[in-house]
PDB file of N, CA and C in Angstrom:
ATOM      1  N   UNK A   1       2.504  -9.007 -15.441  1.00  0.00           N
ATOM      2  CA  UNK A   1       3.001  -9.611 -14.858  1.00  0.00           C
ATOM      3  C   UNK A   1       4.032 -10.883 -15.145  1.00  0.00           C
ATOM      4  N   UNK A   2       3.550 -11.210 -16.428  1.00  0.00           N
ATOM      5  CA  UNK A   2       4.390 -12.577 -16.905  1.00  0.00           C
ATOM      6  C   UNK A   2       5.476 -12.283 -17.879  1.00  0.00           C
ATOM      7  N   UNK A   3       6.019 -10.595 -17.568  1.00  0.00           N
ATOM      8  CA  UNK A   3       7.389 -10.428 -18.340  1.00  0.00           C
ATOM      9  C   UNK A   3       8.204 -10.268 -17.324  1.00  0.00           C
ATOM     10  N   UNK A   4       7.653 -10.040 -16.116  1.00  0.00           N
ATOM     11  CA  UNK A   4       8.442  -9.836 -15.250  1.00  0.00           C
ATOM     12  C   UNK A   4       9.359 -11.511 -14.514  1.00  0.00           C
ATOM     13  N   UNK A   5       8.419 -12.600 -14.696  1.00  0.00           N
ATOM     14  CA  UNK A   5       8.211 -13.740 -14.726  1.00  0.00           C
ATOM     15  C   UNK A   5       9.294 -14.669 -15.382  1.00  0.00           C
ATOM     16  N   UNK A   6       9.314 -13.365 -16.892  1.00  0.00           N
ATOM     17  CA  UNK A   6      10.202 -14.388 -17.852  1.00  0.00           C
ATOM     18  C   UNK A   6      11.636 -13.876 -17.414  1.00  0.00           C
ATOM     19  N   UNK A   7      11.553 -12.640 -16.808  1.00  0.00           N
ATOM     20  CA  UNK A   7      12.681 -11.933 -16.822  1.00  0.00           C
ATOM     21  C   UNK A   7      13.195 -13.453 -15.290  1.00  0.00           C
ATOM     22  N   UNK A   8      12.698 -13.200 -14.531  1.00  0.00           N
ATOM     23  CA  UNK A   8      13.173 -13.959 -13.413  1.00  0.00           C
ATOM     24  C   UNK A   8      13.865 -15.396 -13.931  1.00  0.00           C
ATOM     25  N   UNK A   9      12.850 -16.112 -15.006  1.00  0.00           N
ATOM     26  CA  UNK A   9      13.140 -17.109 -15.262  1.00  0.00           C
ATOM     27  C   UNK A   9      14.141 -17.526 -15.979  1.00  0.00           C
ATOM     28  N   UNK A  10      15.005 -15.711 -16.650  1.00  0.00           N
ATOM     29  CA  UNK A  10      16.056 -16.106 -16.908  1.00  0.00           C
ATOM     30  C   UNK A  10      17.031 -16.081 -16.488  1.00  0.00           C
ATOM     31  N   UNK A  11      16.657 -15.027 -14.816  1.00  0.00           N
ATOM     32  CA  UNK A  11      17.474 -14.411 -14.221  1.00  0.00           C
ATOM     33  C   UNK A  11      17.975 -15.925 -13.583  1.00  0.00           C
ATOM     34  N   UNK A  12      17.014 -17.209 -13.206  1.00  0.00           N
ATOM     35  CA  UNK A  12      17.215 -18.505 -12.579  1.00  0.00           C
ATOM     36  C   UNK A  12      18.137 -19.170 -13.225  1.00  0.00           C
ATOM     37  N   UNK A  13      17.719 -19.406 -14.352  1.00  0.00           N
ATOM     38  CA  UNK A  13      18.726 -20.160 -15.324  1.00  0.00           C
ATOM     39  C   UNK A  13      19.937 -19.634 -15.903  1.00  0.00           C
ATOM     40  N   UNK A  14      20.457 -18.026 -15.505  1.00  0.00           N
ATOM     41  CA  UNK A  14      22.109 -18.395 -15.359  1.00  0.00           C
ATOM     42  C   UNK A  14      21.911 -17.075 -16.773  1.00  0.00           C
ATOM     43  N   UNK A  15      20.615 -17.151 -17.652  1.00  0.00           N
ATOM     44  CA  UNK A  15      21.013 -16.410 -18.784  1.00  0.00           C
ATOM     45  C   UNK A  15      20.651 -15.125 -19.060  1.00  0.00           C
ATOM     46  N   UNK A  16      21.441 -13.977 -19.718  1.00  0.00           N
ATOM     47  CA  UNK A  16      21.349 -12.456 -19.643  1.00  0.00           C
ATOM     48  C   UNK A  16      19.187 -12.515 -20.351  1.00  0.00           C
ATOM     49  N   UNK A  17      19.123 -11.948 -19.478  1.00  0.00           N
ATOM     50  CA  UNK A  17      17.946 -10.625 -19.596  1.00  0.00           C
ATOM     51  C   UNK A  17      18.153  -9.542 -20.639  1.00  0.00           C
ATOM     52  N   UNK A  18      18.368  -9.857 -22.084  1.00  0.00           N
ATOM     53  CA  UNK A  18      17.813  -9.161 -22.535  1.00  0.00           C
ATOM     54  C   UNK A  18      16.511  -9.138 -23.895  1.00  0.00           C
ATOM     55  N   UNK A  19      16.389  -7.596 -24.673  1.00  0.00           N
ATOM     56  CA  UNK A  19      14.966  -8.409 -25.426  1.00  0.00           C
ATOM     57  C   UNK A  19      15.558  -9.199 -26.546  1.00  0.00           C
ATOM     58  N   UNK A  20      16.257  -9.904 -26.423  1.00  0.00           N
ATOM     59  CA  UNK A  20      16.068 -11.648 -27.915  1.00  0.00           C
ATOM     60  C   UNK A  20      15.433 -12.025 -26.654  1.00  0.00           C
ATOM     61  N   UNK A  21      16.313 -12.743 -25.494  1.00  0.00           N
ATOM     62  CA  UNK A  21      15.820 -14.158 -24.515  1.00  0.00           C
ATOM     63  C   UNK A  21      14.346 -14.097 -24.392  1.00  0.00           C
ATOM     64  N   UNK A  22      13.966 -12.199 -23.695  1.00  0.00           N
ATOM     65  CA  UNK A  22      12.713 -12.545 -23.084  1.00  0.00           C
ATOM     66  C   UNK A  22      11.539 -12.761 -23.549  1.00  0.00           C
ATOM     67  N   UNK A  23      12.260 -12.304 -25.205  1.00  0.00           N
ATOM     68  CA  UNK A  23      10.643 -12.688 -26.359  1.00  0.00           C
ATOM     69  C   UNK A  23      10.417 -14.069 -26.508  1.00  0.00           C
ATOM     70  N   UNK A  24      12.031 -14.811 -26.537  1.00  0.00           N
ATOM     71  CA  UNK A  24      11.889 -16.914 -26.450  1.00  0.00           C
ATOM     72  C   UNK A  24      10.640 -16.657 -25.522  1.00  0.00           C
ATOM     73  N   UNK A  25      11.276 -16.606 -24.067  1.00  0.00           N
ATOM     74  CA  UNK A  25      10.864 -17.210 -23.166  1.00  0.00           C
ATOM     75  C   UNK A  25       8.904 -16.959 -23.357  1.00  0.00           C
ATOM     76  N   UNK A  26       8.755 -15.068 -23.803  1.00  0.00           N
ATOM     77  CA  UNK A  26       7.344 -14.962 -23.776  1.00  0.00           C
ATOM     78  C   UNK A  26       6.265 -15.778 -24.367  1.00  0.00           C
ATOM     79  N   UNK A  27       7.384 -15.812 -26.055  1.00  0.00           N
ATOM     80  CA  UNK A  27       6.623 -16.480 -26.959  1.00  0.00           C
ATOM     81  C   UNK A  27       6.600 -17.960 -26.579  1.00  0.00           C
ATOM     82  N   UNK A  28       7.195 -18.589 -26.329  1.00  0.00           N
ATOM     83  CA  UNK A  28       7.761 -20.375 -25.574  1.00  0.00           C
ATOM     84  C   UNK A  28       5.700 -20.468 -24.975  1.00  0.00           C
ATOM     85  N   UNK A  29       5.668 -19.675 -23.489  1.00  0.00           N
ATOM     86  CA  UNK A  29       4.754 -19.303 -22.892  1.00  0.00           C
ATOM     87  C   UNK A  29       3.084 -19.303 -23.640  1.00  0.00           C
ATOM     88  N   UNK A  30       3.201 -18.961 -25.216  1.00  0.00           N
ATOM     89  CA  UNK A  30       1.838 -18.406 -26.050  1.00  0.00           C
ATOM     90  C   UNK A  30       1.810 -17.581 -26.049  1.00  0.00           C
ATOM     91  N   UNK A  31       2.551 -15.850 -24.900  1.00  0.00           N
ATOM     92  CA  UNK A  31       2.049 -14.983 -24.562  1.00  0.00           C
ATOM     93  C   UNK A  31       2.625 -14.270 -25.868  1.00  0.00           C
ATOM     94  N   UNK A  32       1.451 -13.690 -26.332  1.00  0.00           N
ATOM     95  CA  UNK A  32       1.576 -12.003 -27.448  1.00  0.00           C
ATOM     96  C   UNK A  32       2.474 -11.422 -26.516  1.00  0.00           C
ATOM     97  N   UNK A  33       4.078 -10.818 -27.483  1.00  0.00           N
ATOM     98  CA  UNK A  33       4.461 -10.244 -27.174  1.00  0.00           C
ATOM     99  C   UNK A  33       4.174  -8.648 -27.658  1.00  0.00           C
ATOM    100  N   UNK A  34       4.403  -7.551 -26.278  1.00  0.00           N
ATOM    101  CA  UNK A  34       4.676  -6.657 -26.940  1.00  0.00           C
ATOM    102  C   UNK A  34       6.227  -5.791 -26.881  1.00  0.00           C
ATOM    103  N   UNK A  35       6.248  -5.501 -27.897  1.00  0.00           N
ATOM    104  CA  UNK A  35       7.583  -4.445 -27.675  1.00  0.00           C
ATOM    105  C   UNK A  35       8.143  -3.451 -26.855  1.00  0.00           C
ATOM    106  N   UNK A  36       7.585  -2.919 -26.712  1.00  0.00           N
ATOM    107  CA  UNK A  36       7.620  -1.371 -25.995  1.00  0.00           C
ATOM    108  C   UNK A  36       7.732  -1.961 -24.260  1.00  0.00           C
ATOM    109  N   UNK A  37       7.188  -3.173 -24.025  1.00  0.00           N
ATOM    110  CA  UNK A  37       7.271  -3.712 -22.662  1.00  0.00           C
ATOM    111  C   UNK A  37       8.441  -4.515 -22.402  1.00  0.00           C
ATOM    112  N   UNK A  38       8.535  -5.082 -23.581  1.00  0.00           N
ATOM    113  CA  UNK A  38       9.586  -6.264 -23.552  1.00  0.00           C
ATOM    114  C   UNK A  38      11.099  -4.494 -23.101  1.00  0.00           C
ATOM    115  N   UNK A  39      10.578  -3.462 -24.440  1.00  0.00           N
ATOM    116  CA  UNK A  39      11.995  -2.992 -24.136  1.00  0.00           C
ATOM    117  C   UNK A  39      12.186  -2.350 -23.024  1.00  0.00           C
ATOM    118  N   UNK A  40      10.837  -1.579 -22.363  1.00  0.00           N
ATOM    119  CA  UNK A  40      10.897  -1.012 -21.372  1.00  0.00           C
ATOM    120  C   UNK A  40      11.327  -2.043 -20.017  1.00  0.00           C
ATOM    121  N   UNK A  41      11.011  -3.290 -19.785  1.00  0.00           N
ATOM    122  CA  UNK A  41      11.595  -3.538 -18.897  1.00  0.00           C
ATOM    123  C   UNK A  41      13.363  -3.980 -19.124  1.00  0.00           C
ATOM    124  N   UNK A  42      13.624  -4.124 -20.005  1.00  0.00           N
ATOM    125  CA  UNK A  42      15.321  -4.988 -20.210  1.00  0.00           C
ATOM    126  C   UNK A  42      15.740  -3.700 -19.721  1.00  0.00           C
ATOM    127  N   UNK A  43      15.426  -2.129 -20.248  1.00  0.00           N
ATOM    128  CA  UNK A  43      15.863  -1.332 -19.711  1.00  0.00           C
ATOM    129  C   UNK A  43      15.779  -1.390 -18.032  1.00  0.00           C
ATOM    130  N   UNK A  44      14.600  -1.184 -17.521  1.00  0.00           N
ATOM    131  CA  UNK A  44      14.702  -0.773 -16.104  1.00  0.00           C
ATOM    132  C   UNK A  44      15.932  -2.302 -15.175  1.00  0.00           C
ATOM    133  N   UNK A  45      15.996  -3.180 -16.093  1.00  0.00           N
ATOM    134  CA  UNK A  45      16.624  -4.503 -14.794  1.00  0.00           C
ATOM    135  C   UNK A  45      18.260  -4.419 -15.710  1.00  0.00           C
ATOM    136  N   UNK A  46      18.378  -3.205 -16.304  1.00  0.00           N
ATOM    137  CA  UNK A  46      20.213  -2.975 -16.586  1.00  0.00           C
ATOM    138  C   UNK A  46      20.734  -2.730 -15.211  1.00  0.00           C
ATOM    139  N   UNK A  47      20.311  -1.512 -14.440  1.00  0.00           N
ATOM    140  CA  UNK A  47      21.061  -1.361 -13.214  1.00  0.00           C
ATOM    141  C   UNK A  47      20.684  -2.280 -11.606  1.00  0.00           C
ATOM    142  N   UNK A  48      19.601  -2.976 -12.272  1.00  0.00           N
ATOM    143  CA  UNK A  48      18.946  -3.879 -11.071  1.00  0.00           C
ATOM    144  C   UNK A  48      19.676  -5.374 -10.354  1.00  0.00           C
ATOM    145  N   UNK A  49      20.430  -4.953  -9.195  1.00  0.00           N
ATOM    146  CA  UNK A  49      20.884  -6.562  -8.995  1.00  0.00           C
ATOM    147  C   UNK A  49      19.543  -7.428  -8.174  1.00  0.00           C
ATOM    148  N   UNK A  50      19.087  -8.443  -8.910  1.00  0.00           N
ATOM    149  CA  UNK A  50      18.237  -9.357  -9.165  1.00  0.00           C
ATOM    150  C   UNK A  50      18.502 -10.266  -7.755  1.00  0.00           C
ATOM    151  N   UNK A  51      19.510 -10.500  -7.338  1.00  0.00           N
ATOM    152  CA  UNK A  51      19.374 -11.675  -6.336  1.00  0.00           C
ATOM    153  C   UNK A  51      19.281 -10.013  -4.716  1.00  0.00           C
ATOM    154  N   UNK A  52      20.036  -9.300  -5.049  1.00  0.00           N
ATOM    155  CA  UNK A  52      19.692  -8.714  -3.649  1.00  0.00           C
ATOM    156  C   UNK A  52      18.439  -8.279  -4.133  1.00  0.00           C
ATOM    157  N   UNK A  53      17.418  -8.366  -4.519  1.00  0.00           N
ATOM    158  CA  UNK A  53      16.187  -7.563  -4.236  1.00  0.00           C
ATOM    159  C   UNK A  53      15.585  -8.398  -4.306  1.00  0.00           C
ATOM    160  N   UNK A  54      15.750  -9.974  -4.077  1.00  0.00           N
ATOM    161  CA  UNK A  54      14.716 -11.626  -4.046  1.00  0.00           C
ATOM    162  C   UNK A  54      15.645 -11.321  -2.127  1.00  0.00           C
ATOM    163  N   UNK A  55      17.281 -11.519  -2.065  1.00  0.00           N
ATOM    164  CA  UNK A  55      16.605 -11.566  -0.272  1.00  0.00           C
ATOM    165  C   UNK A  55      16.512 -10.259   0.151  1.00  0.00           C
ATOM    166  N   UNK A  56      16.229  -9.150  -0.199  1.00  0.00           N
ATOM    167  CA  UNK A  56      15.344  -8.205   0.321  1.00  0.00           C
ATOM    168  C   UNK A  56      14.161  -8.678   0.355  1.00  0.00           C
ATOM    169  N   UNK A  57      13.184  -9.113  -0.146  1.00  0.00           N
ATOM    170  CA  UNK A  57      11.822  -9.563  -0.319  1.00  0.00           C
ATOM    171  C   UNK A  57      11.818 -10.738   0.495  1.00  0.00           C
ATOM    172  N   UNK A  58      12.920 -11.340   0.759  1.00  0.00           N
ATOM    173  CA  UNK A  58      12.597 -12.868   1.712  1.00  0.00           C
ATOM    174  C   UNK A  58      12.628 -12.606   2.585  1.00  0.00           C
ATOM    175  N   UNK A  59      13.780 -11.220   2.777  1.00  0.00           N
ATOM    176  CA  UNK A  59      13.929 -11.008   4.359  1.00  0.00           C
ATOM    177  C   UNK A  59      13.419  -9.915   5.084  1.00  0.00           C
ATOM    178  N   UNK A  60      12.493  -9.177   4.239  1.00  0.00           N
ATOM    179  CA  UNK A  60      11.830  -8.371   4.416  1.00  0.00           C
ATOM    180  C   UNK A  60      10.637  -8.549   5.642  1.00  0.00           C
ATOM    181  N   UNK A  61      10.289  -8.456   6.851  1.00  0.00           N
ATOM    182  CA  UNK A  61       9.896  -8.576   7.732  1.00  0.00           C
ATOM    183  C   UNK A  61       7.924  -8.516   7.392  1.00  0.00           C
ATOM    184  N   UNK A  62       7.232  -9.554   7.835  1.00  0.00           N
ATOM    185  CA  UNK A  62       6.116  -9.281   7.807  1.00  0.00           C
ATOM    186  C   UNK A  62       5.142  -8.415   8.483  1.00  0.00           C
ATOM    187  N   UNK A  63       4.702  -7.412   7.915  1.00  0.00           N
ATOM    188  CA  UNK A  63       4.061  -6.395   9.309  1.00  0.00           C
ATOM    189  C   UNK A  63       2.287  -6.327   9.145  1.00  0.00           C
ATOM    190  N   UNK A  64       1.997  -7.044  10.010  1.00  0.00           N
ATOM    191  CA  UNK A  64       0.804  -7.348  10.495  1.00  0.00           C
ATOM    192  C   UNK A  64      -0.232  -6.259   9.872  1.00  0.00           C
ATOM    193  N   UNK A  65      -1.297  -6.005   9.366  1.00  0.00           N
ATOM    194  CA  UNK A  65      -2.466  -4.806   9.107  1.00  0.00           C
ATOM    195  C   UNK A  65      -2.569  -4.602  10.563  1.00  0.00           C
ATOM    196  N   UNK A  66      -2.948  -3.116  10.048  1.00  0.00           N
ATOM    197  CA  UNK A  66      -3.330  -2.492  11.457  1.00  0.00           C
ATOM    198  C   UNK A  66      -4.670  -2.280  11.799  1.00  0.00           C
ATOM    199  N   UNK A  67      -4.686  -2.252  13.031  1.00  0.00           N
ATOM    200  CA  UNK A  67      -6.415  -2.313  13.986  1.00  0.00           C
ATOM    201  C   UNK A  67      -7.048  -1.492  13.196  1.00  0.00           C
ATOM    202  N   UNK A  68      -8.226  -2.143  13.117  1.00  0.00           N
ATOM    203  CA  UNK A  68      -9.219  -0.985  12.709  1.00  0.00           C
ATOM    204  C   UNK A  68      -9.308  -0.083  13.753  1.00  0.00           C
ATOM    205  N   UNK A  69     -10.131   1.022  13.148  1.00  0.00           N
ATOM    206  CA  UNK A  69      -9.823   2.280  14.240  1.00  0.00           C
ATOM    207  C   UNK A  69     -11.106   2.552  14.934  1.00  0.00           C
ATOM    208  N   UNK A  70     -10.708   2.812  16.420  1.00  0.00           N
ATOM    209  CA  UNK A  70     -11.860   2.343  16.996  1.00  0.00           C
ATOM    210  C   UNK A  70     -13.324   3.250  16.774  1.00  0.00           C
ATOM    211  N   UNK A  71     -14.227   2.835  17.132  1.00  0.00           N
ATOM    212  CA  UNK A  71     -15.729   3.456  16.070  1.00  0.00           C
ATOM    213  C   UNK A  71     -15.982   4.686  17.059  1.00  0.00           C
ATOM    214  N   UNK A  72     -16.621   5.645  17.151  1.00  0.00           N
ATOM    215  CA  UNK A  72     -16.788   7.134  16.933  1.00  0.00           C
ATOM    216  C   UNK A  72     -17.341   6.592  18.077  1.00  0.00           C
ATOM    217  N   UNK A  73     -17.133   7.698  18.930  1.00  0.00           N
ATOM    218  CA  UNK A  73     -18.537   7.534  20.856  1.00  0.00           C
ATOM    219  C   UNK A  73     -19.599   7.499  19.532  1.00  0.00           C
ATOM    220  N   UNK A  74     -19.944   9.256  19.225  1.00  0.00           N
ATOM    221  CA  UNK A  74     -21.232   9.770  19.167  1.00  0.00           C
ATOM    222  C   UNK A  74     -21.125   8.942  17.596  1.00  0.00           C
ATOM    223  N   UNK A  75     -21.862   8.222  17.328  1.00  0.00           N
ATOM    224  CA  UNK A  75     -22.666   7.704  15.894  1.00  0.00           C
ATOM    225  C   UNK A  75     -24.163   8.649  15.633  1.00  0.00           C
ATOM    226  N   UNK A  76     -23.954   8.222  14.293  1.00  0.00           N
ATOM    227  CA  UNK A  76     -24.973   8.927  13.549  1.00  0.00           C
ATOM    228  C   UNK A  76     -26.459   8.155  14.231  1.00  0.00           C
ATOM    229  N   UNK A  77     -27.322   8.339  14.434  1.00  0.00           N
ATOM    230  CA  UNK A  77     -28.520   7.720  14.621  1.00  0.00           C
ATOM    231  C   UNK A  77     -29.260   6.668  13.315  1.00  0.00           C
ATOM    232  N   UNK A  78     -28.831   6.718  12.465  1.00  0.00           N
ATOM    233  CA  UNK A  78     -28.725   6.489  11.420  1.00  0.00           C
ATOM    234  C   UNK A  78     -28.214   4.411  11.350  1.00  0.00           C
ATOM    235  N   UNK A  79     -26.870   5.352  11.398  1.00  0.00           N
ATOM    236  CA  UNK A  79     -25.781   4.056  12.015  1.00  0.00           C
ATOM    237  C   UNK A  79     -26.385   3.360  12.815  1.00  0.00           C
ATOM    238  N   UNK A  80     -26.500   3.755  14.091  1.00  0.00           N
ATOM    239  CA  UNK A  80     -27.377   3.015  15.131  1.00  0.00           C
ATOM    240  C   UNK A  80     -28.427   2.161  14.992  1.00  0.00           C
ATOM    241  N   UNK A  81     -29.488   2.774  14.346  1.00  0.00           N
ATOM    242  CA  UNK A  81     -30.899   1.798  14.021  1.00  0.00           C
ATOM    243  C   UNK A  81     -29.825   0.866  12.891  1.00  0.00           C
ATOM    244  N   UNK A  82     -29.054   0.769  11.787  1.00  0.00           N
ATOM    245  CA  UNK A  82     -28.979  -0.245  11.533  1.00  0.00           C
ATOM    246  C   UNK A  82     -27.882  -1.297  11.614  1.00  0.00           C
ATOM    247  N   UNK A  83     -27.097  -1.027  12.971  1.00  0.00           N
ATOM    248  CA  UNK A  83     -26.173  -2.082  14.027  1.00  0.00           C
ATOM    249  C   UNK A  83     -27.393  -2.385  14.221  1.00  0.00           C
ATOM    250  N   UNK A  84     -28.440  -1.897  14.692  1.00  0.00           N
ATOM    251  CA  UNK A  84     -29.445  -2.965  15.394  1.00  0.00           C
ATOM    252  C   UNK A  84     -30.365  -3.378  15.037  1.00  0.00           C
ATOM    253  N   UNK A  85     -30.508  -3.191  13.541  1.00  0.00           N
ATOM    254  CA  UNK A  85     -31.153  -4.179  13.080  1.00  0.00           C
ATOM    255  C   UNK A  85     -30.138  -5.744  12.388  1.00  0.00           C
ATOM    256  N   UNK A  86     -29.443  -5.194  12.153  1.00  0.00           N
ATOM    257  CA  UNK A  86     -28.075  -6.607  11.830  1.00  0.00           C
ATOM    258  C   UNK A  86     -28.059  -7.411  12.800  1.00  0.00           C
ATOM    259  N   UNK A  87     -28.350  -6.589  14.169  1.00  0.00           N
ATOM    260  CA  UNK A  87     -28.299  -8.190  15.698  1.00  0.00           C
ATOM    261  C   UNK A  87     -29.460  -8.696  15.471  1.00  0.00           C
ATOM    262  N   UNK A  88     -30.722  -7.839  15.545  1.00  0.00           N
ATOM    263  CA  UNK A  88     -31.758  -8.267  15.578  1.00  0.00           C
ATOM    264  C   UNK A  88     -31.886  -9.018  14.216  1.00  0.00           C
ATOM    265  N   UNK A  89     -31.510  -9.236  12.572  1.00  0.00           N
ATOM    266  CA  UNK A  89     -31.237 -10.452  12.045  1.00  0.00           C
ATOM    267  C   UNK A  89     -30.763 -11.712  12.259  1.00  0.00           C
ATOM    268  N   UNK A  90     -29.223 -11.551  13.044  1.00  0.00           N
ATOM    269  CA  UNK A  90     -28.457 -12.627  13.113  1.00  0.00           C
ATOM    270  C   UNK A  90     -29.522 -13.689  14.469  1.00  0.00           C
ATOM    271  N   UNK A  91     -30.141 -12.926  15.409  1.00  0.00           N
ATOM    272  CA  UNK A  91     -30.842 -13.166  16.536  1.00  0.00           C
ATOM    273  C   UNK A  91     -31.361 -13.937  15.751  1.00  0.00           C
ATOM    274  N   UNK A  92     -32.466 -13.799  14.918  1.00  0.00           N
ATOM    275  CA  UNK A  92     -33.500 -14.300  14.281  1.00  0.00           C
ATOM    276  C   UNK A  92     -33.085 -15.446  13.479  1.00  0.00           C
ATOM    277  N   UNK A  93     -31.757 -15.598  12.721  1.00  0.00           N
ATOM    278  CA  UNK A  93     -31.107 -16.442  12.296  1.00  0.00           C
ATOM    279  C   UNK A  93     -30.540 -17.658  13.326  1.00  0.00           C
ATOM    280  N   UNK A  94     -30.168 -16.914  14.919  1.00  0.00           N
ATOM    281  CA  UNK A  94     -29.541 -18.371  15.623  1.00  0.00           C
ATOM    282  C   UNK A  94     -31.257 -19.001  15.876  1.00  0.00           C
ATOM    283  N   UNK A  95     -32.614 -18.642  16.234  1.00  0.00           N
ATOM    284  CA  UNK A  95     -33.008 -19.065  16.412  1.00  0.00           C
ATOM    285  C   UNK A  95     -33.889 -20.037  15.262  1.00  0.00           C
ATOM    286  N   UNK A  96     -34.063 -19.814  14.343  1.00  0.00           N
ATOM    287  CA  UNK A  96     -34.281 -20.418  12.895  1.00  0.00           C
ATOM    288  C   UNK A  96     -33.223 -21.648  12.934  1.00  0.00           C
ATOM    289  N   UNK A  97     -32.192 -21.873  13.600  1.00  0.00           N
ATOM    290  CA  UNK A  97     -31.033 -22.877  13.099  1.00  0.00           C
ATOM    291  C   UNK A  97     -31.356 -23.174  14.090  1.00  0.00           C
ATOM    292  N   UNK A  98     -31.646 -22.826  15.483  1.00  0.00           N
ATOM    293  CA  UNK A  98     -32.131 -23.602  16.916  1.00  0.00           C
ATOM    294  C   UNK A  98     -33.209 -24.767  16.354  1.00  0.00           C
ATOM    295  N   UNK A  99     -34.397 -24.115  15.801  1.00  0.00           N
ATOM    296  CA  UNK A  99     -35.481 -24.869  15.318  1.00  0.00           C
ATOM    297  C   UNK A  99     -34.886 -25.687  14.563  1.00  0.00           C
ATOM    298  N   UNK A 100     -34.349 -25.696  13.514  1.00  0.00           N
ATOM    299  CA  UNK A 100     -33.998 -26.452  12.135  1.00  0.00           C
ATOM    300  C   UNK A 100     -33.175 -27.274  13.533  1.00  0.00           C
ATOM    301  N   UNK A 101     -32.642 -27.693  13.692  1.00  0.00           N
ATOM    302  CA  UNK A 101     -31.254 -28.593  14.049  1.00  0.00           C
ATOM    303  C   UNK A 101     -32.753 -29.494  15.373  1.00  0.00           C
ATOM    304  N   UNK A 102     -33.545 -28.390  16.232  1.00  0.00           N
ATOM    305  CA  UNK A 102     -34.711 -29.464  16.886  1.00  0.00           C
ATOM    306  C   UNK A 102     -35.159 -30.660  15.633  1.00  0.00           C
ATOM    307  N   UNK A 103     -35.850 -29.596  14.519  1.00  0.00           N
ATOM    308  CA  UNK A 103     -36.663 -30.213  13.991  1.00  0.00           C
ATOM    309  C   UNK A 103     -35.838 -32.045  13.645  1.00  0.00           C
ATOM    310  N   UNK A 104     -34.447 -31.435  13.378  1.00  0.00           N
ATOM    311  CA  UNK A 104     -33.884 -32.588  12.677  1.00  0.00           C
ATOM    312  C   UNK A 104     -33.843 -34.009  13.075  1.00  0.00           C
ATOM    313  N   UNK A 105     -33.531 -33.218  14.433  1.00  0.00           N
ATOM    314  CA  UNK A 105     -33.487 -33.888  15.604  1.00  0.00           C
ATOM    315  C   UNK A 105     -34.872 -35.300  15.656  1.00  0.00           C
ATOM    316  N   UNK A 106     -35.816 -34.608  15.861  1.00  0.00           N
ATOM    317  CA  UNK A 106     -37.260 -34.842  16.253  1.00  0.00           C
ATOM    318  C   UNK A 106     -37.131 -36.360  15.627  1.00  0.00           C
ATOM    319  N   UNK A 107     -36.209 -35.711  14.016  1.00  0.00           N
ATOM    320  CA  UNK A 107     -36.341 -37.025  12.682  1.00  0.00           C
ATOM    321  C   UNK A 107     -35.648 -38.434  13.084  1.00  0.00           C
ATOM    322  N   UNK A 108     -34.802 -37.869  13.997  1.00  0.00           N
ATOM    323  CA  UNK A 108     -33.708 -39.297  14.799  1.00  0.00           C
ATOM    324  C   UNK A 108     -34.267 -40.087  16.209  1.00  0.00           C
ATOM    325  N   UNK A 109     -34.620 -39.210  16.780  1.00  0.00           N
ATOM    326  CA  UNK A 109     -35.746 -38.874  17.931  1.00  0.00           C
ATOM    327  C   UNK A 109     -35.365 -40.479  18.738  1.00  0.00           C
TER     328      UNK A 109
END
């Protein structure tokens, strides 16, 4: 990811994105440079118009996550038991929290 960030930094500064400039930015950030990654990134970005990609990325609508699928009406008995146990545990927690609250209230009573 730091290689892409370095490329964006060079683009933002109006500098050419080439191997030498990319290496300088990465080295200045204290990153050990991988020559193969640098060459691959420079080659991949040669035909990319970064300004257009940035505009598309910022203009792209945010799609909300899909609603979870409705549970199947016929659940396995084991799943039903687990759900019942979870509900019972939650009820126990609620009761114990109420008891704790009453106990604390009695201290200040």
